Amino acid sequence: MLAEQQKLEAEAERLRVEEQAKIDREREQERIRKDQEKRKEEAAEKHREGLERLEQERLEKERLQQEKRDSDRLAREEQEKKKQEVERLKEERAKKKKIPTATLR
């Protein structure tokens, strides 16, 4: 009777240990799954941040290129105005020179 009682207690202990080991394995698997999910989310966030950074760099580069185009256009327009002004002054001088010689004749 005592031996049978000890046998039952040993069997109960073995089952308890197995059940605890099963629970421990499930907890570890859940911890691993959550850790993997967290790393996956962090990687996705880094990827999004990288894409956002690239987009910001692209927009900045585009803005700088547009500023350069605008600046170049303004410089060309200014150069053209100066050229036209020089041409106008030359024509005025030529007219002034022609008027006195024409009146002398």
C-alpha atoms as a PDB file:
ATOM      1  CA  MET A   1       0.000   0.000   0.000  1.00  0.00           C
ATOM      2  CA  LEU A   2       2.793   2.396   0.876  1.00  0.00           C
ATOM      3  CA  ALA A   3       4.652   1.399  -2.289  1.00  0.00           C
ATOM      4  CA  GLU A   4       1.546   1.994  -4.360  1.00  0.00           C
ATOM      5  CA  GLN A   5       1.060   5.412  -2.719  1.00  0.00           C
ATOM      6  CA  GLN A   6       4.674   6.336  -3.487  1.00  0.00           C
ATOM      7  CA  LYS A   7       4.233   5.111  -7.052  1.00  0.00           C
ATOM      8  CA  LEU A   8       1.145   7.304  -7.508  1.00  0.00           C
ATOM      9  CA  GLU A   9       2.906  10.284  -5.977  1.00  0.00           C
ATOM     10  CA  ALA A  10       5.931   9.741  -8.246  1.00  0.00           C
ATOM     11  CA  GLU A  11       3.642   9.499 -11.276  1.00  0.00           C
ATOM     12  CA  ALA A  12       1.823  12.669 -10.208  1.00  0.00           C
ATOM     13  CA  GLU A  13       5.164  14.457  -9.765  1.00  0.00           C
ATOM     14  CA  ARG A  14       6.333  13.279 -13.190  1.00  0.00           C
ATOM     15  CA  LEU A  15       3.113  14.558 -14.795  1.00  0.00           C
ATOM     16  CA  ARG A  16       3.432  17.881 -12.977  1.00  0.00           C
ATOM     17  CA  VAL A  17       7.047  18.259 -14.153  1.00  0.00           C
ATOM     18  CA  GLU A  18       6.041  17.412 -17.742  1.00  0.00           C
ATOM     19  CA  GLU A  19       3.178  19.894 -17.621  1.00  0.00           C
ATOM     20  CA  GLN A  20       5.486  22.592 -16.237  1.00  0.00           C
ATOM     21  CA  ALA A  21       8.057  21.832 -18.952  1.00  0.00           C
ATOM     22  CA  LYS A  22       5.308  22.126 -21.595  1.00  0.00           C
ATOM     23  CA  ILE A  23       4.207  25.484 -20.141  1.00  0.00           C
ATOM     24  CA  ASP A  24       7.825  26.677 -20.051  1.00  0.00           C
ATOM     25  CA  ARG A  25       8.337  25.672 -23.730  1.00  0.00           C
ATOM     26  CA  GLU A  26       5.129  27.477 -24.761  1.00  0.00           C
ATOM     27  CA  ARG A  27       6.205  30.613 -22.887  1.00  0.00           C
ATOM     28  CA  GLU A  28       9.641  30.500 -24.524  1.00  0.00           C
ATOM     29  CA  GLN A  29       8.089  30.047 -27.981  1.00  0.00           C
ATOM     30  CA  GLU A  30       5.766  32.973 -27.327  1.00  0.00           C
ATOM     31  CA  ARG A  31       8.691  35.103 -26.145  1.00  0.00           C
ATOM     32  CA  ILE A  32      10.659  34.171 -29.291  1.00  0.00           C
ATOM     33  CA  ARG A  33       7.637  34.936 -31.512  1.00  0.00           C
ATOM     34  CA  LYS A  34       7.133  38.339 -29.874  1.00  0.00           C
ATOM     35  CA  ASP A  35      10.851  39.104 -30.162  1.00  0.00           C
ATOM     36  CA  GLN A  36      10.822  38.218 -33.865  1.00  0.00           C
ATOM     37  CA  GLU A  37       7.706  40.313 -34.406  1.00  0.00           C
ATOM     38  CA  LYS A  38       9.334  43.249 -32.622  1.00  0.00           C
ATOM     39  CA  ARG A  39      12.488  42.955 -34.757  1.00  0.00           C
ATOM     40  CA  LYS A  40      10.341  42.736 -37.882  1.00  0.00           C
ATOM     41  CA  GLU A  41       8.452  45.900 -36.876  1.00  0.00           C
ATOM     42  CA  GLU A  42      11.721  47.700 -36.105  1.00  0.00           C
ATOM     43  CA  ALA A  43      13.124  46.690 -39.484  1.00  0.00           C
ATOM     44  CA  ALA A  44       9.951  47.915 -41.202  1.00  0.00           C
ATOM     45  CA  GLU A  45      10.185  51.216 -39.313  1.00  0.00           C
ATOM     46  CA  LYS A  46      13.832  51.657 -40.307  1.00  0.00           C
ATOM     47  CA  HIS A  47      12.859  50.917 -43.894  1.00  0.00           C
ATOM     48  CA  ARG A  48      10.061  53.524 -43.761  1.00  0.00           C
ATOM     49  CA  GLU A  49      12.437  56.049 -42.220  1.00  0.00           C
ATOM     50  CA  GLY A  50      14.968  55.307 -44.946  1.00  0.00           C
ATOM     51  CA  LEU A  51      12.344  55.824 -47.641  1.00  0.00           C
ATOM     52  CA  GLU A  52      11.225  59.064 -46.014  1.00  0.00           C
ATOM     53  CA  ARG A  53      14.829  60.262 -45.811  1.00  0.00           C
ATOM     54  CA  LEU A  54      15.390  59.405 -49.473  1.00  0.00           C
ATOM     55  CA  GLU A  55      12.198  61.241 -50.433  1.00  0.00           C
ATOM     56  CA  GLN A  56      13.284  64.305 -48.436  1.00  0.00           C
ATOM     57  CA  GLU A  57      16.701  64.223 -50.105  1.00  0.00           C
ATOM     58  CA  ARG A  58      15.050  63.907 -53.522  1.00  0.00           C
ATOM     59  CA  LEU A  59      12.750  66.851 -52.793  1.00  0.00           C
ATOM     60  CA  GLU A  60      15.660  68.946 -51.512  1.00  0.00           C
ATOM     61  CA  LYS A  61      17.717  68.121 -54.602  1.00  0.00           C
ATOM     62  CA  GLU A  62      14.759  68.990 -56.822  1.00  0.00           C
ATOM     63  CA  ARG A  63      14.271  72.280 -54.959  1.00  0.00           C
ATOM     64  CA  LEU A  64      17.946  73.174 -55.337  1.00  0.00           C
ATOM     65  CA  GLN A  65      17.852  72.314 -59.037  1.00  0.00           C
ATOM     66  CA  GLN A  66      14.781  74.513 -59.502  1.00  0.00           C
ATOM     67  CA  GLU A  67      16.491  77.354 -57.640  1.00  0.00           C
ATOM     68  CA  LYS A  68      19.525  76.972 -59.912  1.00  0.00           C
ATOM     69  CA  ARG A  69      17.335  76.970 -63.026  1.00  0.00           C
ATOM     70  CA  ASP A  70      15.512  80.066 -61.776  1.00  0.00           C
ATOM     71  CA  SER A  71      18.781  81.777 -60.927  1.00  0.00           C
ATOM     72  CA  ASP A  72      20.258  80.897 -64.331  1.00  0.00           C
ATOM     73  CA  ARG A  73      17.117  82.149 -66.076  1.00  0.00           C
ATOM     74  CA  LEU A  74      17.217  85.424 -64.144  1.00  0.00           C
ATOM     75  CA  ALA A  75      20.916  85.830 -64.943  1.00  0.00           C
ATOM     76  CA  ARG A  76      20.213  85.247 -68.656  1.00  0.00           C
ATOM     77  CA  GLU A  77      17.339  87.719 -68.576  1.00  0.00           C
ATOM     78  CA  GLU A  78      19.521  90.281 -66.825  1.00  0.00           C
ATOM     79  CA  GLN A  79      22.306  89.676 -69.335  1.00  0.00           C
ATOM     80  CA  GLU A  80      19.829  90.099 -72.191  1.00  0.00           C
ATOM     81  CA  LYS A  81      18.556  93.364 -70.670  1.00  0.00           C
ATOM     82  CA  LYS A  82      22.115  94.654 -70.386  1.00  0.00           C
ATOM     83  CA  LYS A  83      22.832  93.604 -73.955  1.00  0.00           C
ATOM     84  CA  GLN A  84      19.684  95.386 -75.162  1.00  0.00           C
ATOM     85  CA  GLU A  85      20.600  98.475 -73.128  1.00  0.00           C
ATOM     86  CA  VAL A  86      24.094  98.528 -74.626  1.00  0.00           C
ATOM     87  CA  GLU A  87      22.590  98.122 -78.090  1.00  0.00           C
ATOM     88  CA  ARG A  88      20.115 100.942 -77.410  1.00  0.00           C
ATOM     89  CA  LEU A  89      22.903 103.224 -76.169  1.00  0.00           C
ATOM     90  CA  LYS A  90      24.981 102.439 -79.250  1.00  0.00           C
ATOM     91  CA  GLU A  91      22.041 103.296 -81.479  1.00  0.00           C
ATOM     92  CA  GLU A  92      21.452 106.559 -79.595  1.00  0.00           C
ATOM     93  CA  ARG A  93      25.105 107.507 -79.959  1.00  0.00           C
ATOM     94  CA  ALA A  94      25.017 106.665 -83.618  1.00  0.00           C
ATOM     95  CA  LYS A  95      21.903 108.826 -84.079  1.00  0.00           C
ATOM     96  CA  LYS A  96      23.494 111.699 -82.153  1.00  0.00           C
ATOM     97  CA  LYS A  97      26.602 111.485 -84.294  1.00  0.00           C
ATOM     98  CA  LYS A  98      24.539 111.439 -87.501  1.00  0.00           C
ATOM     99  CA  ILE A  99      22.366 114.399 -86.554  1.00  0.00           C
ATOM    100  CA  PRO A 100      25.189 116.972 -86.247  1.00  0.00           C
ATOM    101  CA  THR A 101      26.891 115.846 -89.444  1.00  0.00           C
ATOM    102  CA  ALA A 102      23.598 115.953 -91.313  1.00  0.00           C
ATOM    103  CA  THR A 103      22.901 119.512 -90.159  1.00  0.00           C
ATOM    104  CA  LEU A 104      26.375 120.633 -91.191  1.00  0.00           C
ATOM    105  CA  ARG A 105      25.845 119.571 -94.767  1.00  0.00           C
END
